[in-house]
PDB file of N, CA and C in Angstrom:
ATOM      1  N   MET A   1     100.438 100.398 116.387  1.00  0.00           N
ATOM      2  CA  MET A   1     101.762 100.763 116.858  1.00  0.00           C
ATOM      3  C   MET A   1     101.876 102.281 116.851  1.00  0.00           C
ATOM      4  N   ALA A   2     102.589 102.805 117.802  1.00  0.00           N
ATOM      5  CA  ALA A   2     102.856 104.245 117.856  1.00  0.00           C
ATOM      6  C   ALA A   2     104.242 104.457 118.444  1.00  0.00           C
ATOM      7  N   GLN A   3     104.998 105.286 117.794  1.00  0.00           N
ATOM      8  CA  GLN A   3     106.297 105.723 118.295  1.00  0.00           C
ATOM      9  C   GLN A   3     106.203 107.231 118.477  1.00  0.00           C
ATOM     10  N   VAL A   4     106.563 107.724 119.664  1.00  0.00           N
ATOM     11  CA  VAL A   4     106.419 109.146 119.965  1.00  0.00           C
ATOM     12  C   VAL A   4     107.790 109.746 120.256  1.00  0.00           C
ATOM     13  N   LYS A   5     108.045 110.889 119.639  1.00  0.00           N
ATOM     14  CA  LYS A   5     109.259 111.669 119.901  1.00  0.00           C
ATOM     15  C   LYS A   5     108.827 113.009 120.469  1.00  0.00           C
ATOM     16  N   ILE A   6     109.520 113.447 121.521  1.00  0.00           N
ATOM     17  CA  ILE A   6     109.220 114.719 122.167  1.00  0.00           C
ATOM     18  C   ILE A   6     110.503 115.545 122.186  1.00  0.00           C
ATOM     19  N   PHE A   7     110.454 116.728 121.587  1.00  0.00           N
ATOM     20  CA  PHE A   7     111.612 117.614 121.493  1.00  0.00           C
ATOM     21  C   PHE A   7     111.353 118.875 122.313  1.00  0.00           C
ATOM     22  N   GLY A   8     112.345 119.300 123.073  1.00  0.00           N
ATOM     23  CA  GLY A   8     112.220 120.534 123.826  1.00  0.00           C
ATOM     24  C   GLY A   8     113.542 120.924 124.451  1.00  0.00           C
ATOM     25  N   LEU A   9     113.537 122.079 125.101  1.00  0.00           N
ATOM     26  CA  LEU A   9     114.738 122.536 125.797  1.00  0.00           C
ATOM     27  C   LEU A   9     114.969 121.691 127.042  1.00  0.00           C
ATOM     28  N   LYS A  10     116.187 121.255 127.214  1.00  0.00           N
ATOM     29  CA  LYS A  10     116.510 120.325 128.293  1.00  0.00           C
ATOM     30  C   LYS A  10     116.163 120.871 129.671  1.00  0.00           C
ATOM     31  N   ASP A  11     116.406 122.154 129.913  1.00  0.00           N
ATOM     32  CA  ASP A  11     116.118 122.718 131.235  1.00  0.00           C
ATOM     33  C   ASP A  11     114.631 122.698 131.560  1.00  0.00           C
ATOM     34  N   HIS A  12     113.802 122.771 130.549  1.00  0.00           N
ATOM     35  CA  HIS A  12     112.357 122.731 130.770  1.00  0.00           C
ATOM     36  C   HIS A  12     111.815 121.311 130.711  1.00  0.00           C
ATOM     37  N   LEU A  13     112.289 120.516 129.767  1.00  0.00           N
ATOM     38  CA  LEU A  13     111.724 119.200 129.496  1.00  0.00           C
ATOM     39  C   LEU A  13     112.132 118.138 130.523  1.00  0.00           C
ATOM     40  N   ASN A  14     113.382 118.115 130.913  1.00  0.00           N
ATOM     41  CA  ASN A  14     113.842 117.050 131.807  1.00  0.00           C
ATOM     42  C   ASN A  14     113.057 116.941 133.115  1.00  0.00           C
ATOM     43  N   PRO A  15     112.758 118.037 133.795  1.00  0.00           N
ATOM     44  CA  PRO A  15     112.031 117.898 135.064  1.00  0.00           C
ATOM     45  C   PRO A  15     110.596 117.377 134.920  1.00  0.00           C
ATOM     46  N   ILE A  16     110.021 117.462 133.731  1.00  0.00           N
ATOM     47  CA  ILE A  16     108.613 117.071 133.564  1.00  0.00           C
ATOM     48  C   ILE A  16     108.425 115.884 132.631  1.00  0.00           C
ATOM     49  N   LYS A  17     109.494 115.281 132.151  1.00  0.00           N
ATOM     50  CA  LYS A  17     109.330 114.284 131.092  1.00  0.00           C
ATOM     51  C   LYS A  17     108.555 113.045 131.527  1.00  0.00           C
ATOM     52  N   GLU A  18     108.671 112.610 132.759  1.00  0.00           N
ATOM     53  CA  GLU A  18     107.893 111.447 133.195  1.00  0.00           C
ATOM     54  C   GLU A  18     106.397 111.751 133.149  1.00  0.00           C
ATOM     55  N   ARG A  19     106.007 112.897 133.693  1.00  0.00           N
ATOM     56  CA  ARG A  19     104.588 113.278 133.672  1.00  0.00           C
ATOM     57  C   ARG A  19     104.123 113.545 132.240  1.00  0.00           C
ATOM     58  N   PHE A  20     104.982 114.168 131.436  1.00  0.00           N
ATOM     59  CA  PHE A  20     104.668 114.437 130.035  1.00  0.00           C
ATOM     60  C   PHE A  20     104.368 113.120 129.309  1.00  0.00           C
ATOM     61  N   SER A  21     105.197 112.116 129.543  1.00  0.00           N
ATOM     62  CA  SER A  21     104.997 110.808 128.928  1.00  0.00           C
ATOM     63  C   SER A  21     103.664 110.202 129.348  1.00  0.00           C
ATOM     64  N   GLU A  22     103.322 110.314 130.618  1.00  0.00           N
ATOM     65  CA  GLU A  22     102.048 109.790 131.110  1.00  0.00           C
ATOM     66  C   GLU A  22     100.861 110.481 130.432  1.00  0.00           C
ATOM     67  N   ILE A  23     100.970 111.785 130.271  1.00  0.00           N
ATOM     68  CA  ILE A  23      99.897 112.550 129.626  1.00  0.00           C
ATOM     69  C   ILE A  23      99.741 112.127 128.166  1.00  0.00           C
ATOM     70  N   ILE A  24     100.841 112.077 127.445  1.00  0.00           N
ATOM     71  CA  ILE A  24     100.785 111.673 126.041  1.00  0.00           C
ATOM     72  C   ILE A  24     100.179 110.282 125.918  1.00  0.00           C
ATOM     73  N   HIS A  25     100.636 109.378 126.767  1.00  0.00           N
ATOM     74  CA  HIS A  25     100.137 108.005 126.681  1.00  0.00           C
ATOM     75  C   HIS A  25      98.639 107.925 126.981  1.00  0.00           C
ATOM     76  N   SER A  26      98.181 108.700 127.936  1.00  0.00           N
ATOM     77  CA  SER A  26      96.747 108.690 128.245  1.00  0.00           C
ATOM     78  C   SER A  26      95.938 109.139 127.031  1.00  0.00           C
ATOM     79  N   CYS A  27      96.468 110.080 126.271  1.00  0.00           N
ATOM     80  CA  CYS A  27      95.784 110.561 125.063  1.00  0.00           C
ATOM     81  C   CYS A  27      95.791 109.508 123.963  1.00  0.00           C
ATOM     82  N   VAL A  28      96.916 108.805 123.804  1.00  0.00           N
ATOM     83  CA  VAL A  28      97.012 107.733 122.808  1.00  0.00           C
ATOM     84  C   VAL A  28      96.018 106.619 123.149  1.00  0.00           C
ATOM     85  N   VAL A  29      95.980 106.234 124.415  1.00  0.00           N
ATOM     86  CA  VAL A  29      95.076 105.166 124.845  1.00  0.00           C
ATOM     87  C   VAL A  29      93.620 105.569 124.617  1.00  0.00           C
ATOM     88  N   GLU A  30      93.279 106.802 124.974  1.00  0.00           N
ATOM     89  CA  GLU A  30      91.888 107.239 124.830  1.00  0.00           C
ATOM     90  C   GLU A  30      91.471 107.442 123.369  1.00  0.00           C
ATOM     91  N   ALA A  31      92.270 108.166 122.615  1.00  0.00           N
ATOM     92  CA  ALA A  31      91.869 108.511 121.245  1.00  0.00           C
ATOM     93  C   ALA A  31      92.034 107.353 120.263  1.00  0.00           C
ATOM     94  N   PHE A  32      93.101 106.559 120.443  1.00  0.00           N
ATOM     95  CA  PHE A  32      93.394 105.493 119.491  1.00  0.00           C
ATOM     96  C   PHE A  32      93.076 104.095 120.035  1.00  0.00           C
ATOM     97  N   HIS A  33      92.551 104.025 121.254  1.00  0.00           N
ATOM     98  CA  HIS A  33      92.171 102.751 121.876  1.00  0.00           C
ATOM     99  C   HIS A  33      93.352 101.791 122.001  1.00  0.00           C
ATOM    100  N   PHE A  34      94.524 102.347 122.321  1.00  0.00           N
ATOM    101  CA  PHE A  34      95.708 101.524 122.497  1.00  0.00           C
ATOM    102  C   PHE A  34      95.640 100.770 123.813  1.00  0.00           C
ATOM    103  N   PRO A  35      96.238  99.584 123.866  1.00  0.00           N
ATOM    104  CA  PRO A  35      96.382  98.899 125.144  1.00  0.00           C
ATOM    105  C   PRO A  35      97.315  99.731 126.046  1.00  0.00           C
ATOM    106  N   PRO A  36      97.024  99.787 127.334  1.00  0.00           N
ATOM    107  CA  PRO A  36      97.846 100.604 128.240  1.00  0.00           C
ATOM    108  C   PRO A  36      99.324 100.215 128.285  1.00  0.00           C
ATOM    109  N   ASP A  37      99.656  98.970 127.947  1.00  0.00           N
ATOM    110  CA  ASP A  37     101.059  98.545 128.027  1.00  0.00           C
ATOM    111  C   ASP A  37     101.864  98.856 126.770  1.00  0.00           C
ATOM    112  N   LYS A  38     101.280  99.465 125.764  1.00  0.00           N
ATOM    113  CA  LYS A  38     101.982  99.807 124.519  1.00  0.00           C
ATOM    114  C   LYS A  38     102.446 101.255 124.577  1.00  0.00           C
ATOM    115  N   LYS A  39     103.632 101.454 125.117  1.00  0.00           N
ATOM    116  CA  LYS A  39     104.143 102.815 125.306  1.00  0.00           C
ATOM    117  C   LYS A  39     105.581 102.871 124.800  1.00  0.00           C
ATOM    118  N   PHE A  40     105.801 103.682 123.759  1.00  0.00           N
ATOM    119  CA  PHE A  40     107.123 103.837 123.161  1.00  0.00           C
ATOM    120  C   PHE A  40     107.404 105.329 122.969  1.00  0.00           C
ATOM    121  N   HIS A  41     108.087 105.947 123.918  1.00  0.00           N
ATOM    122  CA  HIS A  41     108.358 107.391 123.896  1.00  0.00           C
ATOM    123  C   HIS A  41     109.858 107.632 123.979  1.00  0.00           C
ATOM    124  N   ARG A  42     110.308 108.633 123.231  1.00  0.00           N
ATOM    125  CA  ARG A  42     111.707 109.053 123.275  1.00  0.00           C
ATOM    126  C   ARG A  42     111.757 110.563 123.426  1.00  0.00           C
ATOM    127  N   PHE A  43     112.545 111.004 124.383  1.00  0.00           N
ATOM    128  CA  PHE A  43     112.681 112.435 124.634  1.00  0.00           C
ATOM    129  C   PHE A  43     114.005 112.930 124.078  1.00  0.00           C
ATOM    130  N   PHE A  44     113.926 114.076 123.421  1.00  0.00           N
ATOM    131  CA  PHE A  44     115.106 114.748 122.883  1.00  0.00           C
ATOM    132  C   PHE A  44     115.212 116.089 123.589  1.00  0.00           C
ATOM    133  N   ALA A  45     115.925 116.076 124.703  1.00  0.00           N
ATOM    134  CA  ALA A  45     116.103 117.279 125.511  1.00  0.00           C
ATOM    135  C   ALA A  45     117.341 118.002 124.985  1.00  0.00           C
ATOM    136  N   MET A  46     117.133 119.200 124.474  1.00  0.00           N
ATOM    137  CA  MET A  46     118.172 119.885 123.729  1.00  0.00           C
ATOM    138  C   MET A  46     118.710 121.113 124.455  1.00  0.00           C
ATOM    139  N   ASP A  47     119.958 121.440 124.142  1.00  0.00           N
ATOM    140  CA  ASP A  47     120.534 122.693 124.614  1.00  0.00           C
ATOM    141  C   ASP A  47     119.893 123.838 123.840  1.00  0.00           C
ATOM    142  N   LYS A  48     119.864 124.998 124.453  1.00  0.00           N
ATOM    143  CA  LYS A  48     119.227 126.167 123.837  1.00  0.00           C
ATOM    144  C   LYS A  48     119.854 126.510 122.483  1.00  0.00           C
ATOM    145  N   ASP A  49     121.150 126.312 122.339  1.00  0.00           N
ATOM    146  CA  ASP A  49     121.796 126.664 121.063  1.00  0.00           C
ATOM    147  C   ASP A  49     121.580 125.602 119.975  1.00  0.00           C
ATOM    148  N   ASP A  50     120.852 124.512 120.289  1.00  0.00           N
ATOM    149  CA  ASP A  50     120.528 123.484 119.305  1.00  0.00           C
ATOM    150  C   ASP A  50     119.042 123.435 118.952  1.00  0.00           C
ATOM    151  N   PHE A  51     118.255 124.358 119.496  1.00  0.00           N
ATOM    152  CA  PHE A  51     116.805 124.296 119.311  1.00  0.00           C
ATOM    153  C   PHE A  51     116.284 125.687 118.998  1.00  0.00           C
ATOM    154  N   TYR A  52     116.032 125.943 117.726  1.00  0.00           N
ATOM    155  CA  TYR A  52     115.558 127.241 117.278  1.00  0.00           C
ATOM    156  C   TYR A  52     114.054 127.182 117.049  1.00  0.00           C
ATOM    157  N   TYR A  53     113.378 128.249 117.386  1.00  0.00           N
ATOM    158  CA  TYR A  53     111.935 128.311 117.163  1.00  0.00           C
ATOM    159  C   TYR A  53     111.509 129.753 116.955  1.00  0.00           C
ATOM    160  N   ALA A  54     110.303 129.902 116.430  1.00  0.00           N
ATOM    161  CA  ALA A  54     109.792 131.204 116.011  1.00  0.00           C
ATOM    162  C   ALA A  54     109.517 132.121 117.197  1.00  0.00           C
ATOM    163  N   PRO A  55     109.524 133.420 116.943  1.00  0.00           N
ATOM    164  CA  PRO A  55     109.132 134.373 117.990  1.00  0.00           C
ATOM    165  C   PRO A  55     107.711 134.072 118.469  1.00  0.00           C
ATOM    166  N   GLY A  56     107.428 134.452 119.692  1.00  0.00           N
ATOM    167  CA  GLY A  56     106.104 134.201 120.245  1.00  0.00           C
ATOM    168  C   GLY A  56     106.028 132.906 121.020  1.00  0.00           C
ATOM    169  N   ARG A  57     107.094 132.107 121.018  1.00  0.00           N
ATOM    170  CA  ARG A  57     107.156 130.884 121.793  1.00  0.00           C
ATOM    171  C   ARG A  57     108.036 131.137 123.017  1.00  0.00           C
ATOM    172  N   THR A  58     107.840 130.319 124.042  1.00  0.00           N
ATOM    173  CA  THR A  58     108.647 130.453 125.261  1.00  0.00           C
ATOM    174  C   THR A  58     109.607 129.273 125.370  1.00  0.00           C
ATOM    175  N   ASP A  59     110.346 129.230 126.462  1.00  0.00           N
ATOM    176  CA  ASP A  59     111.255 128.108 126.691  1.00  0.00           C
ATOM    177  C   ASP A  59     110.505 126.797 126.910  1.00  0.00           C
ATOM    178  N   ALA A  60     109.193 126.860 127.049  1.00  0.00           N
ATOM    179  CA  ALA A  60     108.369 125.651 127.179  1.00  0.00           C
ATOM    180  C   ALA A  60     108.009 125.054 125.822  1.00  0.00           C
ATOM    181  N   TYR A  61     108.395 125.721 124.740  1.00  0.00           N
ATOM    182  CA  TYR A  61     108.063 125.248 123.399  1.00  0.00           C
ATOM    183  C   TYR A  61     108.469 123.783 123.242  1.00  0.00           C
ATOM    184  N   THR A  62     107.542 122.964 122.765  1.00  0.00           N
ATOM    185  CA  THR A  62     107.762 121.520 122.652  1.00  0.00           C
ATOM    186  C   THR A  62     107.152 121.024 121.352  1.00  0.00           C
ATOM    187  N   ILE A  63     107.865 120.123 120.694  1.00  0.00           N
ATOM    188  CA  ILE A  63     107.388 119.481 119.482  1.00  0.00           C
ATOM    189  C   ILE A  63     107.120 118.018 119.805  1.00  0.00           C
ATOM    190  N   ILE A  64     105.944 117.544 119.415  1.00  0.00           N
ATOM    191  CA  ILE A  64     105.575 116.140 119.603  1.00  0.00           C
ATOM    192  C   ILE A  64     105.339 115.548 118.226  1.00  0.00           C
ATOM    193  N   GLU A  65     106.070 114.484 117.910  1.00  0.00           N
ATOM    194  CA  GLU A  65     105.900 113.772 116.649  1.00  0.00           C
ATOM    195  C   GLU A  65     105.473 112.349 116.977  1.00  0.00           C
ATOM    196  N   ILE A  66     104.410 111.882 116.344  1.00  0.00           N
ATOM    197  CA  ILE A  66     103.934 110.522 116.574  1.00  0.00           C
ATOM    198  C   ILE A  66     103.846 109.798 115.243  1.00  0.00           C
ATOM    199  N   SER A  67     104.468 108.632 115.179  1.00  0.00           N
ATOM    200  CA  SER A  67     104.391 107.770 113.998  1.00  0.00           C
ATOM    201  C   SER A  67     103.447 106.627 114.324  1.00  0.00           C
ATOM    202  N   ILE A  68     102.449 106.426 113.445  1.00  0.00           N
ATOM    203  CA  ILE A  68     101.444 105.397 113.676  1.00  0.00           C
ATOM    204  C   ILE A  68     101.149 104.644 112.382  1.00  0.00           C
ATOM    205  N   PHE A  69     100.592 103.434 112.546  1.00  0.00           N
ATOM    206  CA  PHE A  69     100.061 102.718 111.394  1.00  0.00           C
ATOM    207  C   PHE A  69      98.936 103.555 110.802  1.00  0.00           C
ATOM    208  N   GLU A  70      98.813 103.555 109.478  1.00  0.00           N
ATOM    209  CA  GLU A  70      97.679 104.231 108.875  1.00  0.00           C
ATOM    210  C   GLU A  70      96.404 103.464 109.189  1.00  0.00           C
ATOM    211  N   GLY A  71      95.285 104.188 109.184  1.00  0.00           N
ATOM    212  CA  GLY A  71      94.007 103.541 109.394  1.00  0.00           C
ATOM    213  C   GLY A  71      93.115 104.246 110.396  1.00  0.00           C
ATOM    214  N   ARG A  72      93.673 105.175 111.177  1.00  0.00           N
ATOM    215  CA  ARG A  72      92.819 105.898 112.123  1.00  0.00           C
ATOM    216  C   ARG A  72      91.994 106.931 111.373  1.00  0.00           C
ATOM    217  N   SER A  73      90.815 107.166 111.873  1.00  0.00           N
ATOM    218  CA  SER A  73      89.936 108.153 111.244  1.00  0.00           C
ATOM    219  C   SER A  73      90.452 109.563 111.523  1.00  0.00           C
ATOM    220  N   ALA A  74      90.026 110.495 110.692  1.00  0.00           N
ATOM    221  CA  ALA A  74      90.381 111.900 110.918  1.00  0.00           C
ATOM    222  C   ALA A  74      89.876 112.345 112.283  1.00  0.00           C
ATOM    223  N   GLU A  75      88.687 111.875 112.670  1.00  0.00           N
ATOM    224  CA  GLU A  75      88.124 112.279 113.966  1.00  0.00           C
ATOM    225  C   GLU A  75      88.962 111.768 115.129  1.00  0.00           C
ATOM    226  N   SER A  76      89.479 110.538 115.058  1.00  0.00           N
ATOM    227  CA  SER A  76      90.299 110.036 116.168  1.00  0.00           C
ATOM    228  C   SER A  76      91.619 110.802 116.258  1.00  0.00           C
ATOM    229  N   LYS A  77      92.168 111.210 115.119  1.00  0.00           N
ATOM    230  CA  LYS A  77      93.408 112.001 115.135  1.00  0.00           C
ATOM    231  C   LYS A  77      93.140 113.398 115.696  1.00  0.00           C
ATOM    232  N   LYS A  78      92.020 113.994 115.318  1.00  0.00           N
ATOM    233  CA  LYS A  78      91.664 115.308 115.872  1.00  0.00           C
ATOM    234  C   LYS A  78      91.410 115.208 117.377  1.00  0.00           C
ATOM    235  N   GLN A  79      90.757 114.124 117.807  1.00  0.00           N
ATOM    236  CA  GLN A  79      90.530 113.932 119.241  1.00  0.00           C
ATOM    237  C   GLN A  79      91.866 113.826 119.976  1.00  0.00           C
ATOM    238  N   PHE A  80      92.804 113.089 119.414  1.00  0.00           N
ATOM    239  CA  PHE A  80      94.135 112.955 120.005  1.00  0.00           C
ATOM    240  C   PHE A  80      94.797 114.326 120.167  1.00  0.00           C
ATOM    241  N   ILE A  81      94.762 115.115 119.115  1.00  0.00           N
ATOM    242  CA  ILE A  81      95.369 116.446 119.151  1.00  0.00           C
ATOM    243  C   ILE A  81      94.684 117.324 120.199  1.00  0.00           C
ATOM    244  N   ARG A  82      93.365 117.327 120.216  1.00  0.00           N
ATOM    245  CA  ARG A  82      92.633 118.133 121.207  1.00  0.00           C
ATOM    246  C   ARG A  82      92.955 117.699 122.636  1.00  0.00           C
ATOM    247  N   LEU A  83      92.982 116.385 122.868  1.00  0.00           N
ATOM    248  CA  LEU A  83      93.305 115.877 124.203  1.00  0.00           C
ATOM    249  C   LEU A  83      94.704 116.311 124.631  1.00  0.00           C
ATOM    250  N   LEU A  84      95.661 116.225 123.716  1.00  0.00           N
ATOM    251  CA  LEU A  84      97.027 116.652 124.045  1.00  0.00           C
ATOM    252  C   LEU A  84      97.071 118.117 124.465  1.00  0.00           C
ATOM    253  N   PHE A  85      96.500 118.989 123.644  1.00  0.00           N
ATOM    254  CA  PHE A  85      96.504 120.411 123.987  1.00  0.00           C
ATOM    255  C   PHE A  85      95.858 120.649 125.350  1.00  0.00           C
ATOM    256  N   GLU A  86      94.708 120.034 125.560  1.00  0.00           N
ATOM    257  CA  GLU A  86      93.958 120.240 126.799  1.00  0.00           C
ATOM    258  C   GLU A  86      94.726 119.730 128.028  1.00  0.00           C
ATOM    259  N   ARG A  87      95.210 118.502 127.966  1.00  0.00           N
ATOM    260  CA  ARG A  87      95.869 117.897 129.133  1.00  0.00           C
ATOM    261  C   ARG A  87      97.236 118.496 129.417  1.00  0.00           C
ATOM    262  N   ILE A  88      97.980 118.804 128.374  1.00  0.00           N
ATOM    263  CA  ILE A  88      99.293 119.430 128.588  1.00  0.00           C
ATOM    264  C   ILE A  88      99.111 120.797 129.234  1.00  0.00           C
ATOM    265  N   HIS A  89      98.118 121.528 128.768  1.00  0.00           N
ATOM    266  CA  HIS A  89      97.863 122.849 129.340  1.00  0.00           C
ATOM    267  C   HIS A  89      97.395 122.739 130.791  1.00  0.00           C
ATOM    268  N   SER A  90      96.435 121.873 131.052  1.00  0.00           N
ATOM    269  CA  SER A  90      95.872 121.800 132.405  1.00  0.00           C
ATOM    270  C   SER A  90      96.821 121.147 133.403  1.00  0.00           C
ATOM    271  N   GLU A  91      97.608 120.172 132.976  1.00  0.00           N
ATOM    272  CA  GLU A  91      98.447 119.431 133.921  1.00  0.00           C
ATOM    273  C   GLU A  91      99.887 119.933 133.998  1.00  0.00           C
ATOM    274  N   LEU A  92     100.380 120.534 132.925  1.00  0.00           N
ATOM    275  CA  LEU A  92     101.764 121.028 132.927  1.00  0.00           C
ATOM    276  C   LEU A  92     101.857 122.544 132.766  1.00  0.00           C
ATOM    277  N   GLN A  93     100.713 123.198 132.596  1.00  0.00           N
ATOM    278  CA  GLN A  93     100.645 124.648 132.413  1.00  0.00           C
ATOM    279  C   GLN A  93     101.486 125.124 131.233  1.00  0.00           C
ATOM    280  N   ILE A  94     101.524 124.314 130.173  1.00  0.00           N
ATOM    281  CA  ILE A  94     102.188 124.721 128.935  1.00  0.00           C
ATOM    282  C   ILE A  94     101.096 125.187 127.975  1.00  0.00           C
ATOM    283  N   SER A  95     101.236 126.405 127.509  1.00  0.00           N
ATOM    284  CA  SER A  95     100.254 126.996 126.613  1.00  0.00           C
ATOM    285  C   SER A  95     100.181 126.234 125.288  1.00  0.00           C
ATOM    286  N   PRO A  96      98.993 126.105 124.714  1.00  0.00           N
ATOM    287  CA  PRO A  96      98.891 125.517 123.377  1.00  0.00           C
ATOM    288  C   PRO A  96      99.764 126.244 122.345  1.00  0.00           C
ATOM    289  N   GLN A  97     100.054 127.507 122.577  1.00  0.00           N
ATOM    290  CA  GLN A  97     100.945 128.265 121.696  1.00  0.00           C
ATOM    291  C   GLN A  97     102.350 127.663 121.672  1.00  0.00           C
ATOM    292  N   ASP A  98     102.718 126.951 122.739  1.00  0.00           N
ATOM    293  CA  ASP A  98     104.055 126.371 122.864  1.00  0.00           C
ATOM    294  C   ASP A  98     104.115 124.885 122.521  1.00  0.00           C
ATOM    295  N   ILE A  99     103.040 124.344 121.953  1.00  0.00           N
ATOM    296  CA  ILE A  99     103.004 122.924 121.591  1.00  0.00           C
ATOM    297  C   ILE A  99     102.740 122.793 120.099  1.00  0.00           C
ATOM    298  N   GLU A 100     103.527 121.962 119.436  1.00  0.00           N
ATOM    299  CA  GLU A 100     103.269 121.614 118.038  1.00  0.00           C
ATOM    300  C   GLU A 100     103.261 120.101 117.932  1.00  0.00           C
ATOM    301  N   ILE A 101     102.286 119.584 117.208  1.00  0.00           N
ATOM    302  CA  ILE A 101     102.055 118.148 117.102  1.00  0.00           C
ATOM    303  C   ILE A 101     102.022 117.768 115.627  1.00  0.00           C
ATOM    304  N   THR A 102     102.736 116.714 115.279  1.00  0.00           N
ATOM    305  CA  THR A 102     102.681 116.178 113.932  1.00  0.00           C
ATOM    306  C   THR A 102     102.429 114.677 114.020  1.00  0.00           C
ATOM    307  N   ILE A 103     101.467 114.204 113.248  1.00  0.00           N
ATOM    308  CA  ILE A 103     101.173 112.776 113.166  1.00  0.00           C
ATOM    309  C   ILE A 103     101.664 112.278 111.811  1.00  0.00           C
ATOM    310  N   PHE A 104     102.523 111.268 111.833  1.00  0.00           N
ATOM    311  CA  PHE A 104     103.018 110.637 110.621  1.00  0.00           C
ATOM    312  C   PHE A 104     102.376 109.255 110.519  1.00  0.00           C
ATOM    313  N   GLU A 105     101.631 109.027 109.444  1.00  0.00           N
ATOM    314  CA  GLU A 105     100.980 107.737 109.230  1.00  0.00           C
ATOM    315  C   GLU A 105     101.665 107.000 108.095  1.00  0.00           C
ATOM    316  N   THR A 106     101.940 105.725 108.319  1.00  0.00           N
ATOM    317  CA  THR A 106     102.533 104.917 107.263  1.00  0.00           C
ATOM    318  C   THR A 106     101.837 103.559 107.217  1.00  0.00           C
ATOM    319  N   PRO A 107     101.874 102.906 106.048  1.00  0.00           N
ATOM    320  CA  PRO A 107     101.289 101.573 105.958  1.00  0.00           C
ATOM    321  C   PRO A 107     101.980 100.615 106.924  1.00  0.00           C
ATOM    322  N   LYS A 108     101.229  99.646 107.410  1.00  0.00           N
ATOM    323  CA  LYS A 108     101.809  98.646 108.317  1.00  0.00           C
ATOM    324  C   LYS A 108     103.007  97.950 107.681  1.00  0.00           C
ATOM    325  N   SER A 109     102.968  97.753 106.367  1.00  0.00           N
ATOM    326  CA  SER A 109     104.066  97.058 105.685  1.00  0.00           C
ATOM    327  C   SER A 109     105.380  97.839 105.735  1.00  0.00           C
ATOM    328  N   ASN A 110     105.332  99.113 106.103  1.00  0.00           N
ATOM    329  CA  ASN A 110     106.550  99.925 106.219  1.00  0.00           C
ATOM    330  C   ASN A 110     107.201  99.807 107.594  1.00  0.00           C
ATOM    331  N   TRP A 111     106.636  99.008 108.474  1.00  0.00           N
ATOM    332  CA  TRP A 111     107.165  98.841 109.833  1.00  0.00           C
ATOM    333  C   TRP A 111     107.775  97.446 109.959  1.00  0.00           C
ATOM    334  N   GLY A 112     108.819  97.339 110.754  1.00  0.00           N
ATOM    335  CA  GLY A 112     109.389  96.053 111.127  1.00  0.00           C
ATOM    336  C   GLY A 112     109.348  95.945 112.639  1.00  0.00           C
ATOM    337  N   ILE A 113     108.610  94.965 113.162  1.00  0.00           N
ATOM    338  CA  ILE A 113     108.398  94.854 114.605  1.00  0.00           C
ATOM    339  C   ILE A 113     108.478  93.376 115.010  1.00  0.00           C
ATOM    340  N   ARG A 114     109.239  93.092 116.030  1.00  0.00           N
ATOM    341  CA  ARG A 114     109.361  91.733 116.577  1.00  0.00           C
ATOM    342  C   ARG A 114     109.684  90.706 115.481  1.00  0.00           C
ATOM    343  N   GLY A 115     110.532  91.098 114.539  1.00  0.00           N
ATOM    344  CA  GLY A 115     110.986  90.178 113.504  1.00  0.00           C
ATOM    345  C   GLY A 115     110.056  90.003 112.322  1.00  0.00           C
ATOM    346  N   LEU A 116     109.006  90.825 112.247  1.00  0.00           N
ATOM    347  CA  LEU A 116     108.033  90.698 111.157  1.00  0.00           C
ATOM    348  C   LEU A 116     107.709  92.052 110.544  1.00  0.00           C
ATOM    349  N   PRO A 117     107.302  92.060 109.268  1.00  0.00           N
ATOM    350  CA  PRO A 117     106.712  93.282 108.724  1.00  0.00           C
ATOM    351  C   PRO A 117     105.420  93.574 109.495  1.00  0.00           C
ATOM    352  N   GLY A 118     105.118  94.842 109.693  1.00  0.00           N
ATOM    353  CA  GLY A 118     103.963  95.231 110.490  1.00  0.00           C
ATOM    354  C   GLY A 118     102.644  94.671 110.018  1.00  0.00           C
ATOM    355  N   ASP A 119     102.497  94.455 108.712  1.00  0.00           N
ATOM    356  CA  ASP A 119     101.230  93.926 108.209  1.00  0.00           C
ATOM    357  C   ASP A 119     101.067  92.424 108.452  1.00  0.00           C
ATOM    358  N   GLU A 120     102.101  91.784 108.991  1.00  0.00           N
ATOM    359  CA  GLU A 120     102.010  90.362 109.327  1.00  0.00           C
ATOM    360  C   GLU A 120     101.856  90.127 110.830  1.00  0.00           C
ATOM    361  N   LEU A 121     101.835  91.205 111.602  1.00  0.00           N
ATOM    362  CA  LEU A 121     101.698  91.088 113.059  1.00  0.00           C
ATOM    363  C   LEU A 121     100.270  90.756 113.458  1.00  0.00           C
ATOM    364  N   GLN A 122     100.142  90.031 114.526  1.00  0.00           N
ATOM    365  CA  GLN A 122      98.843  89.810 115.157  1.00  0.00           C
ATOM    366  C   GLN A 122      98.737  90.849 116.274  1.00  0.00           C
ATOM    367  N   LEU A 123      97.899  91.842 116.096  1.00  0.00           N
ATOM    368  CA  LEU A 123      97.754  92.908 117.078  1.00  0.00           C
ATOM    369  C   LEU A 123      96.642  92.591 118.061  1.00  0.00           C
ATOM    370  N   ASN A 124      96.782  93.084 119.293  1.00  0.00           N
ATOM    371  CA  ASN A 124      95.718  92.896 120.283  1.00  0.00           C
ATOM    372  C   ASN A 124      94.894  94.168 120.447  1.00  0.00           C
ATOM    373  N   TYR A 125      94.908  95.004 119.413  1.00  0.00           N
ATOM    374  CA  TYR A 125      94.114  96.217 119.394  1.00  0.00           C
ATOM    375  C   TYR A 125      93.755  96.554 117.960  1.00  0.00           C
ATOM    376  N   LYS A 126      92.723  97.378 117.791  1.00  0.00           N
ATOM    377  CA  LYS A 126      92.274  97.768 116.462  1.00  0.00           C
ATOM    378  C   LYS A 126      92.991  99.038 116.016  1.00  0.00           C
ATOM    379  N   VAL A 127      93.252  99.134 114.743  1.00  0.00           N
ATOM    380  CA  VAL A 127      93.854 100.331 114.170  1.00  0.00           C
ATOM    381  C   VAL A 127      92.789 101.237 113.565  1.00  0.00           C
ATOM    382  N   ASP A 128      91.733 100.663 113.084  1.00  0.00           N
ATOM    383  CA  ASP A 128      90.699 101.442 112.394  1.00  0.00           C
ATOM    384  C   ASP A 128      89.690 102.012 113.399  1.00  0.00           C
ATOM    385  N   VAL A 129      90.139 103.014 114.138  1.00  0.00           N
ATOM    386  CA  VAL A 129      89.273 103.678 115.123  1.00  0.00           C
ATOM    387  C   VAL A 129      89.032 105.113 114.696  1.00  0.00           C
TER     388      VAL A 129
END
């Protein structure tokens, strides 16, 4: 399971959010071997006076937070991060300087999905990649 949150300035994020979602999902599918139909993304397009960030960033500054079941290898998480930086830069022309990524891992038992604790779900994909 993966839940993705994307935060950015509304004037920059709204026009590209569909493509941004496609890029993120392609990285999740490739790095974590997710089924293509498992896509859960939420965009938080913010007004400039609600989104503060450090000097050296532009209006393209974007934060990506992904919550996943624990169990992925360090290498698969690093691959995910590298793919995101590469694809966002090449396809959306957003500098890696303007992207921050955080992966939050929790035990399956901390999730509730389709009426069950996550550790009782029958998944059609592997978590230990």
